[in-house]
Amino acid sequence: MGDVSKLKELCEVDRGLETLRDVGNEEAFHAFAQIVMPSVTGKMLFRRDAGQILLSAFTTVQDEALGMLCLENNFLKWEYMIKHGTDNEGAKRMKTKYASLANAKDAKQHVRWWTKEAVERYHELVKVVLEKRAVSSIHNLEAEFQLRYNMSFNLRGRSSRKRKFPPVEKVGGEGNASVQISSAQQSYLPAIVVQATAI
């Protein structure tokens, strides 16, 4: 994983995340990619693809910009939660940078809405990410992240749990027993097994 303290430094500077892909901020980028991006893209997709292909190949510009916006928006709140605990009432009520309560009903339910400033900032971040991704040296940054991700994954090891498959039901008499596979069961089986049983 990258250096979280470098990412924290960028978050503390106004518009600091815009330099996330710049030379010298590699550690911050690695921390951002490993901590924030799985929540934006979906953890299963991220785990499946992060070690196989470059980040920009399976995440969109909008994904990366949204991750940056969420980090900018919630950074102070998350930092407060780390110091005081997630169950702390002050942390729950703490105002974020770009979200606001729409009305009194929302205040009771703690519902927050993106402000117009947040939407404008999102569009700015999309432009920044587009420009940064166009630079060819960015692929070296992503390839280095991919290598580090694979190394950390190998150190952690794979899950020891075995995948459970649903039982296959036999249909017919003893002499001419055939296997009937439901569509739900087909999603678990490799295509070659499904084809062999269909014959």
Protein backbone atom coordinates (compact mmCIF):
# COMPACT_ATOMS: atom_id res chain seq x y z
CA MET A 1 0.00 0.00 0.00
CA GLY A 2 1.12 3.55 -0.59
CA ASP A 3 2.03 6.02 2.09
CA VAL A 4 -1.19 7.26 3.68
CA SER A 5 0.61 10.22 5.25
CA LYS A 6 1.46 11.53 1.75
CA LEU A 7 -2.20 11.25 0.76
CA LYS A 8 -3.16 13.06 3.97
CA GLU A 9 -0.75 15.90 3.08
CA LEU A 10 -2.42 16.32 -0.32
CA CYS A 11 -5.87 16.38 1.30
CA GLU A 12 -4.80 19.12 3.70
CA VAL A 13 -3.69 21.42 0.86
CA ASP A 14 -6.36 23.27 -1.15
CA ARG A 15 -6.73 21.48 -4.51
CA GLY A 16 -3.92 19.14 -3.47
CA LEU A 17 -5.59 16.06 -4.91
CA GLU A 18 -5.27 17.56 -8.38
CA THR A 19 -1.56 16.70 -8.16
CA LEU A 20 -2.23 13.09 -7.20
CA ARG A 21 -0.82 11.70 -10.46
CA ASP A 22 2.16 14.09 -10.58
CA VAL A 23 5.78 13.01 -10.22
CA GLY A 24 6.69 12.88 -6.55
CA ASN A 25 3.20 11.85 -5.41
CA GLU A 26 3.47 8.17 -6.33
CA GLU A 27 3.01 7.02 -2.73
CA ALA A 28 -0.11 9.13 -2.33
CA PHE A 29 -1.52 7.78 -5.61
CA HIS A 30 -0.93 4.19 -4.51
CA ALA A 31 -2.70 4.86 -1.20
CA PHE A 32 -5.60 6.55 -3.00
CA ALA A 33 -5.93 3.70 -5.51
CA GLN A 34 -5.91 1.02 -2.84
CA ILE A 35 -8.07 2.76 -0.21
CA VAL A 36 -10.58 4.90 -2.12
CA MET A 37 -11.00 3.33 -5.57
CA PRO A 38 -12.38 -0.06 -4.40
CA SER A 39 -15.31 1.77 -2.78
CA VAL A 40 -16.01 3.70 -5.96
CA THR A 41 -15.70 0.88 -8.50
CA GLY A 42 -16.93 -1.93 -6.29
CA LYS A 43 -14.64 -4.10 -4.22
CA MET A 44 -15.20 -7.31 -6.19
CA LEU A 45 -14.43 -5.64 -9.53
CA PHE A 46 -11.39 -3.96 -8.05
CA ARG A 47 -10.02 -7.17 -6.54
CA ARG A 48 -10.58 -9.03 -9.78
CA ASP A 49 -8.98 -6.47 -12.09
CA ALA A 50 -6.40 -4.49 -10.09
CA GLY A 51 -3.70 -7.13 -10.45
CA GLN A 52 -4.52 -7.96 -14.07
CA ILE A 53 -4.93 -4.69 -15.97
CA LEU A 54 -4.04 -1.04 -15.56
CA LEU A 55 -6.25 1.07 -13.33
CA SER A 56 -7.33 3.32 -16.19
CA ALA A 57 -8.48 0.27 -18.16
CA PHE A 58 -11.13 -0.80 -15.65
CA THR A 59 -11.97 2.51 -13.96
CA THR A 60 -13.42 5.49 -15.74
CA VAL A 61 -12.32 9.09 -15.50
CA GLN A 62 -15.59 9.76 -13.69
CA ASP A 63 -14.82 7.00 -11.15
CA GLU A 64 -11.48 8.54 -10.30
CA ALA A 65 -12.94 12.07 -10.11
CA LEU A 66 -15.74 10.85 -7.82
CA GLY A 67 -13.18 9.14 -5.57
CA MET A 68 -11.21 12.38 -5.34
CA LEU A 69 -14.37 14.38 -4.61
CA CYS A 70 -15.47 11.94 -1.87
CA LEU A 71 -12.03 12.13 -0.30
CA GLU A 72 -12.03 15.96 -0.39
CA ASN A 73 -15.57 16.05 0.96
CA ASN A 74 -15.13 13.62 3.85
CA PHE A 75 -11.45 13.92 4.76
CA LEU A 76 -11.87 16.00 7.93
CA LYS A 77 -14.79 13.88 9.11
CA TRP A 78 -12.88 10.63 8.57
CA GLU A 79 -9.83 12.04 10.33
CA TYR A 80 -12.05 13.01 13.29
CA MET A 81 -13.53 9.49 13.32
CA ILE A 82 -10.06 7.93 13.44
CA LYS A 83 -9.18 10.03 16.49
CA HIS A 84 -12.50 9.77 18.36
CA GLY A 85 -14.15 6.59 17.06
CA THR A 86 -16.91 6.00 14.55
CA ASP A 87 -19.62 5.84 17.22
CA ASN A 88 -18.83 9.35 18.41
CA GLU A 89 -21.86 11.65 18.08
CA GLY A 90 -19.63 14.57 17.09
CA ALA A 91 -18.28 12.57 14.16
CA LYS A 92 -21.78 11.68 12.98
CA ARG A 93 -22.95 15.31 13.06
CA MET A 94 -19.77 16.83 11.68
CA LYS A 95 -20.33 18.87 8.54
CA THR A 96 -18.54 17.74 5.42
CA LYS A 97 -16.99 20.09 2.89
CA TYR A 98 -19.51 19.87 0.03
CA ALA A 99 -22.66 18.34 1.50
CA SER A 100 -25.43 20.25 3.19
CA LEU A 101 -28.74 19.48 4.84
CA ALA A 102 -31.61 20.27 2.52
CA ASN A 103 -34.33 20.85 5.11
CA ALA A 104 -35.39 20.21 8.72
CA LYS A 105 -36.71 16.74 7.89
CA ASP A 106 -33.29 15.80 6.48
CA ALA A 107 -31.59 17.11 9.62
CA LYS A 108 -33.50 14.54 11.69
CA GLN A 109 -32.50 11.74 9.33
CA HIS A 110 -28.92 13.01 8.78
CA VAL A 111 -29.49 13.08 4.99
CA ARG A 112 -26.97 15.22 3.17
CA TRP A 113 -27.13 16.46 -0.39
CA TRP A 114 -24.35 17.54 -2.74
CA THR A 115 -24.15 21.31 -3.05
CA LYS A 116 -23.81 23.19 -6.33
CA GLU A 117 -20.17 23.79 -5.37
CA ALA A 118 -19.66 20.00 -5.18
CA VAL A 119 -21.05 19.46 -8.66
CA GLU A 120 -18.80 22.21 -10.06
CA ARG A 121 -15.80 20.72 -8.26
CA TYR A 122 -16.63 17.27 -9.67
CA HIS A 123 -16.58 18.65 -13.22
CA GLU A 124 -13.22 20.33 -12.51
CA LEU A 125 -11.82 17.03 -11.24
CA VAL A 126 -13.07 15.19 -14.33
CA LYS A 127 -11.10 17.63 -16.50
CA VAL A 128 -7.99 17.24 -14.32
CA VAL A 129 -8.14 13.43 -14.45
CA LEU A 130 -8.64 13.52 -18.24
CA GLU A 131 -5.55 15.69 -18.65
CA LYS A 132 -3.44 13.59 -16.28
CA ARG A 133 -4.46 10.29 -17.86
CA ALA A 134 -3.45 11.58 -21.30
CA VAL A 135 0.21 11.80 -20.23
CA SER A 136 2.12 8.64 -21.20
CA SER A 137 4.15 8.45 -17.97
CA ILE A 138 0.89 7.84 -16.14
CA HIS A 139 0.90 4.26 -17.42
CA ASN A 140 4.20 3.72 -15.60
CA LEU A 141 2.53 4.95 -12.41
CA GLU A 142 -0.37 2.54 -12.92
CA ALA A 143 1.95 -0.35 -13.84
CA GLU A 144 3.90 0.26 -10.62
CA PHE A 145 0.63 0.25 -8.66
CA GLN A 146 -0.38 -3.01 -10.35
CA LEU A 147 2.96 -4.60 -9.42
CA ARG A 148 2.69 -3.41 -5.80
CA TYR A 149 -0.91 -4.60 -5.59
CA ASN A 150 0.09 -8.07 -6.80
CA MET A 151 2.97 -8.20 -4.33
CA SER A 152 0.75 -7.22 -1.40
CA PHE A 153 -1.92 -9.68 -2.54
CA ASN A 154 0.63 -12.52 -2.63
CA LEU A 155 1.85 -11.59 0.85
CA ARG A 156 -1.69 -11.65 2.24
CA GLY A 157 -2.43 -14.95 0.51
CA ARG A 158 -5.58 -16.18 -1.08
CA SER A 159 -8.70 -17.20 0.76
CA SER A 160 -8.60 -20.74 2.08
CA ARG A 161 -12.38 -21.11 1.85
CA LYS A 162 -13.56 -23.43 -0.88
CA ARG A 163 -16.29 -22.28 -3.19
CA LYS A 164 -19.49 -24.25 -2.69
CA PHE A 165 -21.44 -25.37 -5.73
CA PRO A 166 -25.12 -26.31 -5.63
CA PRO A 167 -25.82 -30.03 -6.06
CA VAL A 168 -26.66 -31.32 -9.54
CA GLU A 169 -29.91 -33.27 -9.70
CA LYS A 170 -30.22 -36.55 -11.60
CA VAL A 171 -33.38 -37.13 -13.60
CA GLY A 172 -34.69 -40.38 -15.04
CA GLY A 173 -34.44 -44.06 -14.18
CA GLU A 174 -31.35 -45.96 -13.14
CA GLY A 175 -30.54 -47.20 -16.67
CA ASN A 176 -30.92 -43.86 -18.46
CA ALA A 177 -30.03 -41.30 -15.81
CA SER A 178 -29.36 -37.86 -17.23
CA VAL A 179 -28.26 -34.70 -15.51
CA GLN A 180 -30.54 -31.69 -15.44
CA ILE A 181 -28.87 -28.36 -14.70
CA SER A 182 -30.89 -25.30 -13.80
CA SER A 183 -29.94 -21.86 -15.13
CA ALA A 184 -28.82 -20.85 -11.62
CA GLN A 185 -26.51 -23.86 -11.48
CA GLN A 186 -25.14 -23.09 -14.96
CA SER A 187 -23.77 -19.78 -13.71
CA TYR A 188 -21.55 -21.72 -11.29
CA LEU A 189 -20.23 -24.25 -13.77
CA PRO A 190 -17.63 -23.69 -16.48
CA ALA A 191 -19.09 -23.56 -20.01
CA ILE A 192 -17.45 -26.84 -21.02
CA VAL A 193 -19.22 -28.75 -18.22
CA VAL A 194 -22.59 -27.30 -19.22
CA GLN A 195 -22.00 -28.27 -22.88
CA ALA A 196 -20.93 -31.81 -21.95
CA THR A 197 -24.05 -32.40 -19.90
CA ALA A 198 -26.29 -31.07 -22.66
CA ILE A 199 -25.16 -33.81 -25.09
